[in-house]
Amino acid sequence: MKKSDLPSNEAARLAALAKLQPVSHPGMPQSERITRLARNQFNVPIVWISRVDQDKVWMKVCDGLHVSSFARGTALCRLLFW
C-alpha cells in the first residue's frame, strides 16, 4: 500500500496540537470509560484515543493494547487517509 502525502493543513494542525496538554499528560477517566464502552459495543479487541504529532502517535487512552507510542510512519491512518 502506497503512503500518501501529509495533509495540506499539517502546519496548522501541529500548531493547534502544541496548544493542547503535553503528551505526557494522562488520559481522563471519562476517556477510559468511552474506550471501554466502544470496545464492548463493537466487539473489537483494541480501541484507543491517540494524538499524532510530527513524528509519533501517542496513545492517550488505550484499551486492549499495551503500548504508549509508535512511529507516525507506521500508523494505519497514514496508509489509508493521508
C-alpha atoms as a PDB file:
ATOM      1  CA  MET A   1       0.000   0.000   0.000  1.00  0.00           C
ATOM      2  CA  LYS A   2       1.410   3.385  -1.005  1.00  0.00           C
ATOM      3  CA  LYS A   3       1.847   6.059   1.645  1.00  0.00           C
ATOM      4  CA  SER A   4       0.179   9.311   0.734  1.00  0.00           C
ATOM      5  CA  ASP A   5       1.423  12.835   1.359  1.00  0.00           C
ATOM      6  CA  LEU A   6       0.853  14.686   4.619  1.00  0.00           C
ATOM      7  CA  PRO A   7      -2.429  16.602   4.977  1.00  0.00           C
ATOM      8  CA  SER A   8      -2.497  20.053   3.391  1.00  0.00           C
ATOM      9  CA  ASN A   9      -3.247  21.614   6.796  1.00  0.00           C
ATOM     10  CA  GLU A  10      -0.367  19.870   8.564  1.00  0.00           C
ATOM     11  CA  ALA A  11       1.334  23.049   9.855  1.00  0.00           C
ATOM     12  CA  ALA A  12      -1.917  24.418  11.311  1.00  0.00           C
ATOM     13  CA  ARG A  13      -2.769  21.007  12.799  1.00  0.00           C
ATOM     14  CA  LEU A  14       0.603  20.770  14.549  1.00  0.00           C
ATOM     15  CA  ALA A  15       0.298  24.371  15.831  1.00  0.00           C
ATOM     16  CA  ALA A  16      -3.131  23.596  17.315  1.00  0.00           C
ATOM     17  CA  LEU A  17      -1.777  20.383  18.828  1.00  0.00           C
ATOM     18  CA  ALA A  18       1.054  22.307  20.513  1.00  0.00           C
ATOM     19  CA  LYS A  19      -1.524  24.384  22.414  1.00  0.00           C
ATOM     20  CA  LEU A  20      -3.080  21.283  23.996  1.00  0.00           C
ATOM     21  CA  GLN A  21      -1.979  19.356  27.069  1.00  0.00           C
ATOM     22  CA  PRO A  22       1.516  17.892  26.972  1.00  0.00           C
ATOM     23  CA  VAL A  23       1.866  14.400  25.514  1.00  0.00           C
ATOM     24  CA  SER A  24       2.829  13.050  28.939  1.00  0.00           C
ATOM     25  CA  HIS A  25      -0.473  14.226  30.458  1.00  0.00           C
ATOM     26  CA  PRO A  26      -2.549  11.127  31.252  1.00  0.00           C
ATOM     27  CA  GLY A  27      -5.917  10.434  29.694  1.00  0.00           C
ATOM     28  CA  MET A  28      -9.047  11.416  31.552  1.00  0.00           C
ATOM     29  CA  PRO A  29     -11.215   8.784  33.313  1.00  0.00           C
ATOM     30  CA  GLN A  30     -14.123   9.706  31.007  1.00  0.00           C
ATOM     31  CA  SER A  31     -11.963   8.799  28.006  1.00  0.00           C
ATOM     32  CA  GLU A  32     -11.120   5.445  29.543  1.00  0.00           C
ATOM     33  CA  ARG A  33     -14.811   4.756  30.022  1.00  0.00           C
ATOM     34  CA  ILE A  34     -15.539   5.698  26.393  1.00  0.00           C
ATOM     35  CA  THR A  35     -12.862   3.362  25.024  1.00  0.00           C
ATOM     36  CA  ARG A  36     -14.078   0.513  27.236  1.00  0.00           C
ATOM     37  CA  LEU A  37     -17.685   1.047  26.088  1.00  0.00           C
ATOM     38  CA  ALA A  38     -16.629   1.235  22.422  1.00  0.00           C
ATOM     39  CA  ARG A  39     -14.600  -1.957  22.711  1.00  0.00           C
ATOM     40  CA  ASN A  40     -17.570  -3.811  24.180  1.00  0.00           C
ATOM     41  CA  GLN A  41     -20.197  -2.276  21.877  1.00  0.00           C
ATOM     42  CA  PHE A  42     -18.330  -3.011  18.654  1.00  0.00           C
ATOM     43  CA  ASN A  43     -16.792  -6.270  19.888  1.00  0.00           C
ATOM     44  CA  VAL A  44     -13.271  -5.300  18.841  1.00  0.00           C
ATOM     45  CA  PRO A  45     -10.002  -6.216  20.572  1.00  0.00           C
ATOM     46  CA  ILE A  46      -8.476  -2.714  20.666  1.00  0.00           C
ATOM     47  CA  VAL A  47      -9.778   0.846  20.982  1.00  0.00           C
ATOM     48  CA  TRP A  48      -7.608   3.907  21.500  1.00  0.00           C
ATOM     49  CA  ILE A  49      -7.623   7.664  21.577  1.00  0.00           C
ATOM     50  CA  SER A  50      -4.363   8.993  20.277  1.00  0.00           C
ATOM     51  CA  ARG A  51      -2.594  12.173  19.405  1.00  0.00           C
ATOM     52  CA  VAL A  52      -0.470  12.371  16.278  1.00  0.00           C
ATOM     53  CA  ASP A  53       2.469  14.750  16.403  1.00  0.00           C
ATOM     54  CA  GLN A  54       5.125  15.346  13.765  1.00  0.00           C
ATOM     55  CA  ASP A  55       6.932  12.045  14.319  1.00  0.00           C
ATOM     56  CA  LYS A  56       4.900   9.821  16.651  1.00  0.00           C
ATOM     57  CA  VAL A  57       1.450   8.586  17.522  1.00  0.00           C
ATOM     58  CA  TRP A  58       0.954   8.891  21.289  1.00  0.00           C
ATOM     59  CA  MET A  59      -1.706   6.769  22.987  1.00  0.00           C
ATOM     60  CA  LYS A  60      -3.673   8.980  25.369  1.00  0.00           C
ATOM     61  CA  VAL A  61      -6.050   6.153  26.313  1.00  0.00           C
ATOM     62  CA  CYS A  62      -5.858   2.573  25.099  1.00  0.00           C
ATOM     63  CA  ASP A  63      -7.999  -0.462  25.886  1.00  0.00           C
ATOM     64  CA  GLY A  64      -6.739  -3.825  24.675  1.00  0.00           C
ATOM     65  CA  LEU A  65      -3.159  -2.913  23.793  1.00  0.00           C
ATOM     66  CA  HIS A  66      -0.202  -2.073  25.995  1.00  0.00           C
ATOM     67  CA  VAL A  67       1.767   0.481  24.027  1.00  0.00           C
ATOM     68  CA  SER A  68       2.344   4.170  24.719  1.00  0.00           C
ATOM     69  CA  SER A  69       3.557   5.340  21.317  1.00  0.00           C
ATOM     70  CA  PHE A  70       4.781   4.276  17.898  1.00  0.00           C
ATOM     71  CA  ALA A  71       6.369   5.901  14.858  1.00  0.00           C
ATOM     72  CA  ARG A  72       3.945   8.002  12.807  1.00  0.00           C
ATOM     73  CA  GLY A  73       5.126   6.464   9.554  1.00  0.00           C
ATOM     74  CA  THR A  74       3.839   3.055  10.670  1.00  0.00           C
ATOM     75  CA  ALA A  75       0.348   4.302  11.557  1.00  0.00           C
ATOM     76  CA  LEU A  76      -2.526   2.678   9.709  1.00  0.00           C
ATOM     77  CA  CYS A  77      -4.210   6.066   9.197  1.00  0.00           C
ATOM     78  CA  ARG A  78      -1.070   7.225   7.386  1.00  0.00           C
ATOM     79  CA  LEU A  79      -1.623   4.494   4.845  1.00  0.00           C
ATOM     80  CA  LEU A  80      -5.367   4.986   4.490  1.00  0.00           C
ATOM     81  CA  PHE A  81      -6.180   8.676   4.834  1.00  0.00           C
ATOM     82  CA  TRP A  82      -3.194  10.959   4.239  1.00  0.00           C
END
